[in-house]
C-alpha atoms as a PDB file:
ATOM      1  CA  MET A   1      -8.650-154.910 -24.970  1.00  0.00           C
ATOM      2  CA  ILE A   2      -8.027-155.324 -29.222  1.00  0.00           C
ATOM      3  CA  ASP A   3     -10.929-155.601 -31.004  1.00  0.00           C
ATOM      4  CA  TYR A   4     -10.165-157.968 -33.210  1.00  0.00           C
ATOM      5  CA  THR A   5     -12.930-157.273 -36.120  1.00  0.00           C
ATOM      6  CA  LEU A   6     -11.884-153.694 -35.844  1.00  0.00           C
ATOM      7  CA  LYS A   7      -8.497-154.395 -36.664  1.00  0.00           C
ATOM      8  CA  ALA A   8     -10.012-156.604 -39.501  1.00  0.00           C
ATOM      9  CA  THR A   9     -11.955-153.830 -41.004  1.00  0.00           C
ATOM     10  CA  MET A  10      -8.490-151.739 -41.211  1.00  0.00           C
ATOM     11  CA  ASP A  11      -6.711-152.225 -43.995  1.00  0.00           C
ATOM     12  CA  ASP A  12      -4.421-150.195 -46.663  1.00  0.00           C
ATOM     13  CA  VAL A  13      -7.722-149.977 -48.054  1.00  0.00           C
ATOM     14  CA  ALA A  14      -9.972-148.705 -45.266  1.00  0.00           C
ATOM     15  CA  TRP A  15      -7.382-146.336 -44.014  1.00  0.00           C
ATOM     16  CA  GLY A  16      -7.234-144.892 -47.691  1.00  0.00           C
ATOM     17  CA  ILE A  17     -11.148-144.580 -47.767  1.00  0.00           C
ATOM     18  CA  LEU A  18     -10.770-142.780 -44.490  1.00  0.00           C
ATOM     19  CA  GLU A  19      -7.789-140.493 -45.678  1.00  0.00           C
ATOM     20  CA  ALA A  20      -9.645-139.414 -48.975  1.00  0.00           C
ATOM     21  CA  LEU A  21     -13.331-138.338 -46.916  1.00  0.00           C
ATOM     22  CA  GLN A  22     -11.200-136.537 -44.581  1.00  0.00           C
ATOM     23  CA  GLU A  23      -9.886-134.695 -47.403  1.00  0.00           C
ATOM     24  CA  ASN A  24     -13.283-134.380 -49.386  1.00  0.00           C
ATOM     25  CA  ALA A  25     -16.158-136.049 -47.655  1.00  0.00           C
ATOM     26  CA  ARG A  26     -18.172-135.163 -50.779  1.00  0.00           C
ATOM     27  CA  LEU A  27     -16.280-137.362 -52.845  1.00  0.00           C
ATOM     28  CA  THR A  28     -18.571-140.047 -55.148  1.00  0.00           C
ATOM     29  CA  TYR A  29     -17.870-143.843 -54.910  1.00  0.00           C
ATOM     30  CA  SER A  30     -16.890-143.517 -58.112  1.00  0.00           C
ATOM     31  CA  GLU A  31     -14.263-141.178 -57.587  1.00  0.00           C
ATOM     32  CA  LEU A  32     -13.272-142.775 -54.016  1.00  0.00           C
ATOM     33  CA  GLY A  33     -12.900-146.091 -55.531  1.00  0.00           C
ATOM     34  CA  ARG A  34     -10.929-145.099 -58.358  1.00  0.00           C
ATOM     35  CA  GLN A  35      -8.696-143.456 -55.392  1.00  0.00           C
ATOM     36  CA  VAL A  36      -8.549-147.082 -53.159  1.00  0.00           C
ATOM     37  CA  GLY A  37      -8.601-149.106 -56.212  1.00  0.00           C
ATOM     38  CA  LEU A  38     -12.330-150.756 -55.764  1.00  0.00           C
ATOM     39  CA  THR A  39     -15.393-150.654 -57.632  1.00  0.00           C
ATOM     40  CA  PRO A  40     -17.943-147.978 -56.392  1.00  0.00           C
ATOM     41  CA  PRO A  41     -20.058-151.139 -54.788  1.00  0.00           C
ATOM     42  CA  ALA A  42     -17.327-152.253 -53.443  1.00  0.00           C
ATOM     43  CA  VAL A  43     -16.406-149.197 -51.952  1.00  0.00           C
ATOM     44  CA  ALA A  44     -19.974-148.280 -50.767  1.00  0.00           C
ATOM     45  CA  GLU A  45     -20.160-151.192 -48.571  1.00  0.00           C
ATOM     46  CA  ARG A  46     -16.391-150.426 -47.363  1.00  0.00           C
ATOM     47  CA  VAL A  47     -18.136-146.916 -46.155  1.00  0.00           C
ATOM     48  CA  ARG A  48     -21.146-148.737 -44.722  1.00  0.00           C
ATOM     49  CA  ARG A  49     -18.646-150.682 -42.782  1.00  0.00           C
ATOM     50  CA  LEU A  50     -16.825-148.211 -41.316  1.00  0.00           C
ATOM     51  CA  GLU A  51     -20.121-146.290 -40.409  1.00  0.00           C
ATOM     52  CA  GLU A  52     -21.420-149.340 -38.676  1.00  0.00           C
ATOM     53  CA  ALA A  53     -18.385-149.860 -36.585  1.00  0.00           C
ATOM     54  CA  GLY A  54     -18.712-146.614 -35.412  1.00  0.00           C
ATOM     55  CA  ILE A  55     -15.460-145.462 -37.053  1.00  0.00           C
ATOM     56  CA  ILE A  56     -16.680-142.975 -39.499  1.00  0.00           C
ATOM     57  CA  VAL A  57     -19.682-140.433 -37.657  1.00  0.00           C
ATOM     58  CA  GLY A  58     -20.426-138.008 -39.489  1.00  0.00           C
ATOM     59  CA  TYR A  59     -19.711-135.487 -42.867  1.00  0.00           C
ATOM     60  CA  ARG A  60     -20.076-131.834 -42.066  1.00  0.00           C
ATOM     61  CA  ALA A  61     -19.422-128.886 -43.971  1.00  0.00           C
ATOM     62  CA  GLU A  62     -16.417-126.651 -42.888  1.00  0.00           C
ATOM     63  CA  LEU A  63     -17.510-123.047 -42.642  1.00  0.00           C
ATOM     64  CA  ASN A  64     -15.409-119.778 -42.750  1.00  0.00           C
ATOM     65  CA  VAL A  65     -16.957-118.049 -39.774  1.00  0.00           C
ATOM     66  CA  ASP A  66     -15.331-114.848 -40.828  1.00  0.00           C
ATOM     67  CA  LYS A  67     -17.217-114.265 -43.767  1.00  0.00           C
ATOM     68  CA  LEU A  68     -20.327-114.996 -41.479  1.00  0.00           C
ATOM     69  CA  GLY A  69     -19.775-112.524 -39.513  1.00  0.00           C
ATOM     70  CA  LEU A  70     -17.895-113.993 -36.616  1.00  0.00           C
ATOM     71  CA  PRO A  71     -14.319-112.567 -36.977  1.00  0.00           C
ATOM     72  CA  ILE A  72     -13.225-113.170 -33.222  1.00  0.00           C
ATOM     73  CA  LYS A  73     -12.741-116.523 -31.893  1.00  0.00           C
ATOM     74  CA  ALA A  74     -11.300-117.205 -28.398  1.00  0.00           C
ATOM     75  CA  ILE A  75     -10.480-120.086 -25.922  1.00  0.00           C
ATOM     76  CA  ILE A  76     -12.544-119.885 -22.882  1.00  0.00           C
ATOM     77  CA  ARG A  77     -11.585-121.842 -20.012  1.00  0.00           C
ATOM     78  CA  LEU A  78     -14.301-122.203 -17.261  1.00  0.00           C
ATOM     79  CA  ALA A  79     -13.661-123.424 -13.866  1.00  0.00           C
ATOM     80  CA  PRO A  80     -17.587-124.011 -12.022  1.00  0.00           C
ATOM     81  CA  ARG A  81     -18.218-123.175  -8.619  1.00  0.00           C
ATOM     82  CA  GLY A  82     -21.476-124.222  -6.793  1.00  0.00           C
ATOM     83  CA  HIS A  83     -23.030-126.373 -10.020  1.00  0.00           C
ATOM     84  CA  GLU A  84     -23.149-129.643 -11.067  1.00  0.00           C
ATOM     85  CA  ALA A  85     -21.541-130.253 -14.324  1.00  0.00           C
ATOM     86  CA  ARG A  86     -24.387-132.218 -15.939  1.00  0.00           C
ATOM     87  CA  GLN A  87     -26.152-128.797 -15.742  1.00  0.00           C
ATOM     88  CA  VAL A  88     -23.163-126.494 -16.525  1.00  0.00           C
ATOM     89  CA  ALA A  89     -22.840-128.776 -19.653  1.00  0.00           C
ATOM     90  CA  GLN A  90     -26.586-128.418 -20.522  1.00  0.00           C
ATOM     91  CA  VAL A  91     -26.053-124.392 -20.339  1.00  0.00           C
ATOM     92  CA  LEU A  92     -22.998-124.670 -22.600  1.00  0.00           C
ATOM     93  CA  ARG A  93     -24.704-126.711 -25.308  1.00  0.00           C
ATOM     94  CA  ALA A  94     -27.418-124.091 -25.555  1.00  0.00           C
ATOM     95  CA  LEU A  95     -25.091-121.131 -26.205  1.00  0.00           C
ATOM     96  CA  PRO A  96     -24.931-120.668 -30.005  1.00  0.00           C
ATOM     97  CA  GLU A  97     -21.258-119.023 -29.947  1.00  0.00           C
ATOM     98  CA  VAL A  98     -19.966-122.039 -28.517  1.00  0.00           C
ATOM     99  CA  LEU A  99     -18.118-123.862 -31.467  1.00  0.00           C
ATOM    100  CA  GLN A 100     -16.858-126.601 -29.085  1.00  0.00           C
ATOM    101  CA  CYS A 101     -16.790-127.650 -25.390  1.00  0.00           C
ATOM    102  CA  HIS A 102     -14.434-130.021 -23.820  1.00  0.00           C
ATOM    103  CA  HIS A 103     -14.505-131.378 -20.379  1.00  0.00           C
ATOM    104  CA  VAL A 104     -11.051-131.305 -19.068  1.00  0.00           C
ATOM    105  CA  THR A 105      -9.103-132.255 -16.316  1.00  0.00           C
ATOM    106  CA  GLY A 106      -7.125-129.972 -14.171  1.00  0.00           C
ATOM    107  CA  GLU A 107      -8.270-126.771 -12.583  1.00  0.00           C
ATOM    108  CA  ASP A 108     -10.297-125.850 -15.404  1.00  0.00           C
ATOM    109  CA  CYS A 109     -13.265-128.320 -15.737  1.00  0.00           C
ATOM    110  CA  TYR A 110     -14.317-127.110 -19.493  1.00  0.00           C
ATOM    111  CA  VAL A 111     -12.481-125.454 -22.371  1.00  0.00           C
ATOM    112  CA  LEU A 112     -14.640-123.907 -25.114  1.00  0.00           C
ATOM    113  CA  THR A 113     -14.111-122.645 -28.566  1.00  0.00           C
ATOM    114  CA  VAL A 114     -16.566-119.511 -29.421  1.00  0.00           C
ATOM    115  CA  ALA A 115     -16.821-117.327 -32.744  1.00  0.00           C
ATOM    116  CA  ILE A 116     -18.546-114.076 -31.858  1.00  0.00           C
ATOM    117  CA  PRO A 117     -19.207-110.888 -33.849  1.00  0.00           C
ATOM    118  CA  SER A 118     -17.657-108.364 -31.637  1.00  0.00           C
ATOM    119  CA  VAL A 119     -15.187-107.643 -28.626  1.00  0.00           C
ATOM    120  CA  GLY A 120     -18.566-106.359 -26.772  1.00  0.00           C
ATOM    121  CA  HIS A 121     -20.257-109.828 -27.960  1.00  0.00           C
ATOM    122  CA  LEU A 122     -17.536-111.559 -25.849  1.00  0.00           C
ATOM    123  CA  GLU A 123     -17.776-108.861 -22.931  1.00  0.00           C
ATOM    124  CA  ARG A 124     -21.656-110.305 -22.495  1.00  0.00           C
ATOM    125  CA  LEU A 125     -20.790-114.107 -23.009  1.00  0.00           C
ATOM    126  CA  LEU A 126     -18.246-113.526 -20.356  1.00  0.00           C
ATOM    127  CA  GLU A 127     -20.526-112.160 -17.990  1.00  0.00           C
ATOM    128  CA  ARG A 128     -23.158-114.379 -18.763  1.00  0.00           C
ATOM    129  CA  LEU A 129     -20.555-117.387 -17.644  1.00  0.00           C
ATOM    130  CA  LEU A 130     -19.493-115.693 -14.561  1.00  0.00           C
ATOM    131  CA  ALA A 131     -23.055-117.439 -13.139  1.00  0.00           C
ATOM    132  CA  TYR A 132     -21.520-120.975 -13.679  1.00  0.00           C
ATOM    133  CA  GLY A 133     -17.743-120.063 -12.478  1.00  0.00           C
ATOM    134  CA  GLU A 134     -14.297-118.597 -12.877  1.00  0.00           C
ATOM    135  CA  THR A 135     -13.290-117.799 -16.605  1.00  0.00           C
ATOM    136  CA  THR A 136     -10.113-117.568 -18.413  1.00  0.00           C
ATOM    137  CA  THR A 137     -10.158-116.011 -21.779  1.00  0.00           C
ATOM    138  CA  SER A 138      -7.519-116.359 -24.255  1.00  0.00           C
ATOM    139  CA  MET A 139      -8.134-114.422 -27.747  1.00  0.00           C
ATOM    140  CA  VAL A 140      -7.126-116.164 -30.852  1.00  0.00           C
ATOM    141  CA  LEU A 141      -5.125-114.488 -33.277  1.00  0.00           C
ATOM    142  CA  SER A 142      -4.763-117.258 -35.825  1.00  0.00           C
ATOM    143  CA  SER A 143      -4.962-120.857 -36.466  1.00  0.00           C
ATOM    144  CA  PRO A 144      -1.768-122.771 -38.035  1.00  0.00           C
ATOM    145  CA  VAL A 145      -3.385-126.183 -37.832  1.00  0.00           C
ATOM    146  CA  THR A 146      -7.725-126.591 -38.133  1.00  0.00           C
ATOM    147  CA  HIS A 147      -7.892-129.805 -39.483  1.00  0.00           C
ATOM    148  CA  ARG A 148      -5.381-133.208 -39.164  1.00  0.00           C
ATOM    149  CA  VAL A 149      -6.473-135.878 -41.406  1.00  0.00           C
ATOM    150  CA  ILE A 150      -5.930-139.093 -39.271  1.00  0.00           C
ATOM    151  CA  CYS A 151      -4.362-141.647 -41.073  1.00  0.00           C
ATOM    152  CA  PRO A 152      -2.019-145.097 -39.651  1.00  0.00           C
ATOM    153  CA  ASP A 153       1.417-142.838 -39.565  1.00  0.00           C
ATOM    154  CA  ASN A 154       0.000-140.140 -37.046  1.00  0.00           C
ATOM    155  CA  LEU A 155      -1.306-142.852 -34.808  1.00  0.00           C
ATOM    156  CA  ALA A 156       0.421-143.516 -31.419  1.00  0.00           C
ATOM    157  CA  PRO A 157       2.000-147.067 -31.592  1.00  0.00           C
ATOM    158  CA  ALA A 158       0.212-150.135 -30.747  1.00  0.00           C
ATOM    159  CA  GLU A 159       0.748-151.030 -27.246  1.00  0.00           C
ATOM    160  CA  SER A 160       2.481-155.043 -27.247  1.00  0.00           C
ATOM    161  CA  ALA A 161      -0.293-156.800 -26.073  1.00  0.00           C
END
């Protein structure tokens, strides 16, 4: 079902605002307006409408976890056994090492991205997770893509009605 209100909101100016804010969420309305050709009050109104539509859901600082003493990153797949998904999700939300958690299809129910200070810490984390199911772990060597700006060029083509 096509949301025509949303479709009307997503013109070239809206996409320009979204692209600019994804690159730098700290832009002032004046600078953002210069980039998209609107006055600061007009761009503020556009941003407010994008927030109200649920398209912009937050603004965050991107951190270098290495410099915060968390140089080891890993991907952990968890296949719970004998526990309800809701209970496992609650446990995973409470673990400070977990940067991201995705509930997925397939043999594994959860895919976690974690940042930790040492291999020993990873071992202790995996031991805690074993209480909830089987784990498969991959160490992150590097991250060639850490952030991608969403723009019309990299969206899937619209389905014909």
